[in-house]
């Protein structure tokens, strides 16, 4: 895993941003960290703990503070901010606030992108952080299939040729949605969430041995695909082994670790005659029930009077 960046061009495509000035093409200006900053304390003269790699957002409080300063003091404060050359300085509430003349002058002097947004400051910050967390998240790629079944993201893993893509097609025919086939890009968007998506060049395509490449969005419609999904359950397909003890009650909790996040997991044996699509649908519903606090195996033990053995 390396360090990822996102260009200002991609941010302007996903967040409501307008360009006031840019020293070069937006594709060439990169943001490296997901945090954003409101430089109110910096403008007031407190320079400790300032991270120049963050996007700098000036809202109503910062702009009013600058407007109340003398021209000399205002220029000095803005000059110090722009001289550190952050990726961009963004003025929010563009319907009522406009970048000060000194900002455009200093942006050109220090070659810093100056932008504006009609969003309120809090809304703009939330949108930027959401996009940055996704684009800059640590990530790995796994060979598998990611589908959404009854709102649950299921990552299907298994050896090549075991039937992952065929299972995905059957689930799509039953009204569920495909996110990725063959290569699943998994991103750690928080300490508890892994979000999966498909590499852009193979998105919506699926390979079926004996048939070839199929575009799911074209064959089954755009309602049969999804761009990304949180991974809620990992299902590992494996050939049926009569010597192995598979889970019978569901009391045991198995997990699969992705980028340090533990995700509920289960192994499903594959053998002729098993309807794996129905099994996965049931697994998705059962996983959702467990998240809501219901466990069918525990209820059965209580009915049998064996609940004391769960401890």
Protein backbone atom coordinates (compact mmCIF):
# COMPACT_ATOMS: atom_id res chain seq x y z
CA UNK A 1 0.00 0.00 0.00
CA UNK A 2 1.33 3.42 -0.89
CA UNK A 3 0.30 6.99 -0.32
CA UNK A 4 -2.59 8.16 -2.46
CA UNK A 5 -3.50 11.61 -3.74
CA UNK A 6 -6.55 13.16 -5.36
CA UNK A 7 -6.53 16.01 -7.85
CA UNK A 8 -8.45 19.24 -7.47
CA UNK A 9 -10.17 18.42 -10.76
CA UNK A 10 -11.76 15.31 -9.24
CA UNK A 11 -12.80 17.31 -6.17
CA UNK A 12 -14.49 19.96 -8.32
CA UNK A 13 -16.37 17.19 -10.13
CA UNK A 14 -17.68 15.67 -6.91
CA UNK A 15 -18.12 18.77 -4.72
CA UNK A 16 -19.72 22.12 -5.51
CA UNK A 17 -16.58 24.18 -6.28
CA UNK A 18 -15.94 27.01 -8.74
CA UNK A 19 -12.48 28.15 -9.80
CA UNK A 20 -11.54 31.78 -9.22
CA UNK A 21 -7.86 31.33 -10.07
CA UNK A 22 -5.61 28.37 -10.73
CA UNK A 23 -1.89 28.53 -11.50
CA UNK A 24 -2.08 25.42 -13.72
CA UNK A 25 -4.47 22.67 -14.77
CA UNK A 26 -6.46 21.30 -11.85
CA UNK A 27 -5.29 17.78 -12.68
CA UNK A 28 -1.75 18.80 -11.67
CA UNK A 29 -2.73 20.06 -8.20
CA UNK A 30 -2.96 17.23 -5.68
CA UNK A 31 -4.36 16.90 -2.18
CA UNK A 32 -2.56 14.38 0.04
CA UNK A 33 -4.53 14.30 3.31
CA UNK A 34 -8.23 14.00 4.12
CA UNK A 35 -8.41 16.70 6.78
CA UNK A 36 -9.51 20.25 5.94
CA UNK A 37 -8.88 23.41 7.93
CA UNK A 38 -10.53 26.70 8.83
CA UNK A 39 -7.54 29.05 9.40
CA UNK A 40 -9.24 31.43 11.83
CA UNK A 41 -6.60 31.06 14.55
CA UNK A 42 -3.82 31.33 11.97
CA UNK A 43 -5.23 34.59 10.59
CA UNK A 44 -5.47 35.91 14.15
CA UNK A 45 -1.76 35.28 14.71
CA UNK A 46 -1.53 31.80 16.25
CA UNK A 47 0.76 29.80 14.00
CA UNK A 48 1.33 26.57 15.94
CA UNK A 49 -0.08 23.26 14.67
CA UNK A 50 -0.87 24.64 11.23
CA UNK A 51 -0.79 22.02 8.48
CA UNK A 52 -0.11 23.61 5.11
CA UNK A 53 -1.05 20.38 3.28
CA UNK A 54 -4.72 20.82 4.17
CA UNK A 55 -7.32 22.57 2.07
CA UNK A 56 -8.02 25.95 3.70
CA UNK A 57 -11.68 26.98 3.95
CA UNK A 58 -12.70 30.56 4.75
CA UNK A 59 -16.26 30.88 5.98
CA UNK A 60 -18.42 33.67 7.36
CA UNK A 61 -16.41 34.04 10.59
CA UNK A 62 -13.02 34.23 8.84
CA UNK A 63 -14.23 36.64 6.16
CA UNK A 64 -15.88 38.95 8.69
CA UNK A 65 -12.73 38.89 10.81
CA UNK A 66 -10.61 39.90 7.81
CA UNK A 67 -13.05 42.64 6.80
CA UNK A 68 -12.74 44.24 10.23
CA UNK A 69 -8.93 44.44 10.06
CA UNK A 70 -6.95 47.38 8.71
CA UNK A 71 -5.80 46.95 5.09
CA UNK A 72 -2.21 46.46 6.29
CA UNK A 73 -3.11 43.87 8.92
CA UNK A 74 -5.44 42.03 6.51
CA UNK A 75 -2.78 41.89 3.80
CA UNK A 76 -0.17 40.65 6.27
CA UNK A 77 -2.42 37.86 7.57
CA UNK A 78 -3.40 36.69 4.07
CA UNK A 79 0.18 36.97 2.81
CA UNK A 80 1.36 34.63 5.56
CA UNK A 81 -1.42 32.15 4.70
CA UNK A 82 -0.81 32.11 0.93
CA UNK A 83 2.98 32.08 1.32
CA UNK A 84 2.73 28.58 2.82
CA UNK A 85 1.20 27.44 -0.48
CA UNK A 86 -1.63 25.15 0.62
CA UNK A 87 -3.27 23.06 -2.15
CA UNK A 88 -6.14 25.56 -2.38
CA UNK A 89 -7.92 28.31 -0.49
CA UNK A 90 -11.71 28.03 -0.72
CA UNK A 91 -14.28 30.70 0.16
CA UNK A 92 -17.67 29.26 1.10
CA UNK A 93 -21.10 30.94 0.92
CA UNK A 94 -20.28 32.48 -2.47
CA UNK A 95 -23.84 33.83 -2.75
CA UNK A 96 -23.06 36.31 0.03
CA UNK A 97 -19.26 36.25 0.27
CA UNK A 98 -16.72 37.09 -2.41
CA UNK A 99 -12.96 36.56 -2.30
CA UNK A 100 -11.20 39.73 -1.20
CA UNK A 101 -9.04 41.54 -3.81
CA UNK A 102 -5.95 40.72 -1.75
CA UNK A 103 -6.73 37.03 -2.05
CA UNK A 104 -6.62 37.02 -5.84
CA UNK A 105 -3.42 39.08 -5.82
CA UNK A 106 -1.69 36.75 -3.35
CA UNK A 107 -2.99 33.62 -5.06
CA UNK A 108 -1.34 34.79 -8.28
CA UNK A 109 1.83 35.83 -6.42
CA UNK A 110 2.32 32.48 -4.66
CA UNK A 111 0.61 30.33 -7.33
CA UNK A 112 -2.10 28.95 -5.04
CA UNK A 113 -5.48 27.81 -6.36
CA UNK A 114 -8.33 30.08 -5.22
CA UNK A 115 -11.83 28.63 -5.30
CA UNK A 116 -15.33 29.36 -4.09
CA UNK A 117 -18.48 27.41 -3.24
CA UNK A 118 -22.13 28.32 -2.76
CA UNK A 119 -22.41 25.72 0.04
CA UNK A 120 -22.43 26.71 3.69
CA UNK A 121 -19.12 26.16 5.44
CA UNK A 122 -20.20 23.10 7.44
CA UNK A 123 -21.85 21.46 4.41
CA UNK A 124 -18.81 22.13 2.25
CA UNK A 125 -16.43 20.70 4.86
CA UNK A 126 -18.57 17.59 5.27
CA UNK A 127 -18.71 17.01 1.51
CA UNK A 128 -14.96 17.49 1.09
CA UNK A 129 -14.07 15.20 4.00
CA UNK A 130 -16.40 12.47 2.67
CA UNK A 131 -14.82 12.57 -0.79
CA UNK A 132 -11.27 12.85 0.57
CA UNK A 133 -11.77 9.93 2.97
CA UNK A 134 -12.87 7.77 0.06
CA UNK A 135 -10.23 8.88 -2.44
CA UNK A 136 -7.29 8.82 -0.02
CA UNK A 137 -8.27 5.72 1.95
CA UNK A 138 -5.79 2.85 2.34
CA UNK A 139 -6.74 0.14 -0.11
CA UNK A 140 -6.05 -3.37 -1.30
CA UNK A 141 -7.34 -5.42 -4.20
CA UNK A 142 -8.79 -8.89 -3.71
CA UNK A 143 -9.67 -11.51 -6.33
CA UNK A 144 -13.37 -12.05 -5.81
CA UNK A 145 -16.87 -10.75 -6.43
CA UNK A 146 -18.77 -8.04 -4.54
CA UNK A 147 -22.56 -8.01 -4.69
CA UNK A 148 -25.34 -6.22 -2.82
CA UNK A 149 -27.97 -8.62 -1.53
CA UNK A 150 -30.95 -7.18 0.36
CA UNK A 151 -28.84 -4.12 1.20
CA UNK A 152 -25.93 -6.17 2.55
CA UNK A 153 -22.57 -5.99 0.80
CA UNK A 154 -21.25 -9.55 0.36
CA UNK A 155 -17.68 -10.17 -0.71
CA UNK A 156 -17.44 -13.62 -2.33
CA UNK A 157 -13.99 -15.20 -2.24
CA UNK A 158 -12.76 -18.57 -3.46
CA UNK A 159 -10.40 -20.33 -5.83
CA UNK A 160 -10.50 -19.52 -9.50
CA UNK A 161 -13.19 -21.53 -11.30
CA UNK A 162 -15.24 -22.37 -8.22
CA UNK A 163 -18.27 -20.44 -9.52
CA UNK A 164 -18.10 -16.93 -8.05
CA UNK A 165 -19.13 -15.15 -11.27
CA UNK A 166 -21.88 -17.65 -12.02
CA UNK A 167 -23.26 -17.10 -8.52
CA UNK A 168 -23.15 -13.33 -9.08
CA UNK A 169 -25.13 -13.68 -12.32
CA UNK A 170 -27.78 -15.79 -10.55
CA UNK A 171 -28.07 -13.15 -7.82
CA UNK A 172 -28.42 -10.37 -10.40
CA UNK A 173 -31.21 -12.33 -12.11
CA UNK A 174 -32.96 -12.55 -8.72
CA UNK A 175 -32.97 -8.74 -8.43
CA UNK A 176 -29.74 -8.05 -6.54
CA UNK A 177 -26.87 -5.86 -7.74
CA UNK A 178 -23.31 -6.41 -8.92
CA UNK A 179 -20.57 -4.09 -7.64
CA UNK A 180 -17.38 -5.78 -8.86
CA UNK A 181 -16.24 -8.99 -10.51
CA UNK A 182 -12.77 -10.54 -10.60
CA UNK A 183 -10.92 -7.61 -8.98
CA UNK A 184 -12.49 -5.87 -5.99
CA UNK A 185 -10.84 -2.67 -4.75
CA UNK A 186 -11.34 -2.43 -0.99
CA UNK A 187 -10.86 0.87 0.84
CA UNK A 188 -10.70 1.49 4.57
CA UNK A 189 -12.92 4.57 4.86
CA UNK A 190 -13.02 4.44 8.69
CA UNK A 191 -11.79 2.25 11.52
CA UNK A 192 -14.91 0.09 11.19
CA UNK A 193 -15.90 0.28 7.52
CA UNK A 194 -14.48 -1.25 4.37
CA UNK A 195 -15.99 -0.03 1.13
CA UNK A 196 -15.58 -1.98 -2.09
CA UNK A 197 -15.69 -0.86 -5.69
CA UNK A 198 -14.56 -2.05 -9.10
CA UNK A 199 -11.56 -0.69 -10.99
CA UNK A 200 -12.95 1.79 -13.49
CA UNK A 201 -11.68 -0.04 -16.57
CA UNK A 202 -13.58 -3.28 -15.75
CA UNK A 203 -16.61 -1.79 -13.97
CA UNK A 204 -19.93 -3.56 -14.74
CA UNK A 205 -18.21 -6.32 -16.72
CA UNK A 206 -18.27 -9.97 -15.68
CA UNK A 207 -16.50 -13.01 -17.13
CA UNK A 208 -18.39 -16.26 -17.59
CA UNK A 209 -16.41 -19.28 -18.64
CA UNK A 210 -17.85 -20.71 -21.85
CA UNK A 211 -19.62 -17.45 -22.75
CA UNK A 212 -17.03 -14.69 -22.35
CA UNK A 213 -17.33 -11.09 -21.21
CA UNK A 214 -20.78 -9.73 -20.35
CA UNK A 215 -21.70 -6.13 -19.61
CA UNK A 216 -24.20 -6.48 -16.76
CA UNK A 217 -25.45 -2.89 -17.03
CA UNK A 218 -26.28 -3.40 -20.72
CA UNK A 219 -27.79 -6.88 -20.40
CA UNK A 220 -29.81 -6.44 -17.18
CA UNK A 221 -30.08 -2.64 -16.97
CA UNK A 222 -28.45 -0.02 -14.76
CA UNK A 223 -30.59 -1.16 -11.84
CA UNK A 224 -28.54 -4.36 -11.73
CA UNK A 225 -25.24 -2.64 -10.88
CA UNK A 226 -23.89 -0.38 -8.17
CA UNK A 227 -20.71 1.72 -8.05
CA UNK A 228 -19.67 0.91 -4.48
CA UNK A 229 -20.89 -0.90 -1.37
CA UNK A 230 -19.81 -1.38 2.24
CA UNK A 231 -18.57 -4.92 2.91
CA UNK A 232 -20.87 -6.40 5.57
CA UNK A 233 -20.12 -10.11 5.13
CA UNK A 234 -17.32 -12.17 3.61
CA UNK A 235 -18.35 -15.52 2.08
CA UNK A 236 -15.61 -17.97 1.22
CA UNK A 237 -16.63 -20.63 -1.29
CA UNK A 238 -14.73 -23.91 -1.12
CA UNK A 239 -15.16 -27.44 -2.52
CA UNK A 240 -17.17 -29.70 -0.26
CA UNK A 241 -14.89 -31.63 2.08
CA UNK A 242 -16.73 -34.45 3.93
CA UNK A 243 -13.96 -34.51 6.54
CA UNK A 244 -14.45 -30.89 7.52
CA UNK A 245 -16.89 -29.72 10.18
CA UNK A 246 -18.88 -26.84 8.74
CA UNK A 247 -20.87 -24.43 10.86
CA UNK A 248 -24.24 -25.95 11.75
CA UNK A 249 -25.73 -23.60 14.34
CA UNK A 250 -24.23 -20.19 13.64
CA UNK A 251 -23.25 -19.68 17.28
CA UNK A 252 -19.58 -19.43 16.42
CA UNK A 253 -18.47 -16.02 15.19
CA UNK A 254 -15.95 -16.09 12.36
CA UNK A 255 -14.29 -12.96 11.00
CA UNK A 256 -12.15 -12.02 8.03
CA UNK A 257 -9.66 -9.17 8.41
CA UNK A 258 -9.25 -6.52 5.72
CA UNK A 259 -6.84 -3.64 6.38
CA UNK A 260 -7.16 -4.22 10.12
CA UNK A 261 -10.98 -4.27 10.10
CA UNK A 262 -12.67 -7.51 11.20
CA UNK A 263 -15.72 -8.39 9.10
CA UNK A 264 -18.18 -11.25 9.79
CA UNK A 265 -17.28 -14.25 7.66
CA UNK A 266 -18.60 -17.69 6.78
CA UNK A 267 -17.41 -20.61 4.66
CA UNK A 268 -19.91 -22.20 2.28
CA UNK A 269 -19.13 -25.60 0.76
CA UNK A 270 -19.83 -25.99 -2.95
CA UNK A 271 -21.25 -29.26 -4.23
CA UNK A 272 -23.55 -30.33 -7.11
CA UNK A 273 -27.21 -29.57 -6.49
CA UNK A 274 -26.75 -26.78 -3.94
CA UNK A 275 -28.61 -23.57 -4.74
CA UNK A 276 -25.92 -21.11 -3.67
CA UNK A 277 -27.97 -18.05 -4.62
CA UNK A 278 -30.65 -18.98 -2.08
CA UNK A 279 -27.95 -19.76 0.48
CA UNK A 280 -26.36 -16.32 0.01
CA UNK A 281 -29.72 -14.56 0.21
CA UNK A 282 -30.36 -16.32 3.50
CA UNK A 283 -26.86 -15.46 4.73
CA UNK A 284 -27.48 -11.79 3.93
CA UNK A 285 -30.79 -11.71 5.81
CA UNK A 286 -29.32 -13.62 8.74
CA UNK A 287 -26.36 -11.24 8.94
CA UNK A 288 -28.70 -8.26 8.99
CA UNK A 289 -30.74 -9.85 11.79
CA UNK A 290 -27.59 -10.40 13.84
CA UNK A 291 -26.66 -6.74 13.44
CA UNK A 292 -30.13 -5.87 14.73
CA UNK A 293 -29.59 -8.07 17.79
CA UNK A 294 -31.41 -11.25 16.80
CA UNK A 295 -29.69 -14.65 16.62
CA UNK A 296 -31.87 -17.61 15.63
CA UNK A 297 -29.43 -20.17 17.09
CA UNK A 298 -29.51 -18.49 20.50
CA UNK A 299 -33.30 -18.38 20.45
CA UNK A 300 -33.43 -22.10 19.69
CA UNK A 301 -31.13 -22.88 22.62
CA UNK A 302 -33.31 -20.79 24.91
CA UNK A 303 -36.40 -22.70 23.76
CA UNK A 304 -34.60 -25.98 24.44
CA UNK A 305 -33.49 -24.78 27.84
CA UNK A 306 -29.83 -24.99 26.88
CA UNK A 307 -29.03 -21.28 27.01
CA UNK A 308 -26.79 -21.74 30.06
CA UNK A 309 -24.39 -23.66 27.80
CA UNK A 310 -23.79 -20.56 25.70
CA UNK A 311 -21.70 -19.02 28.48
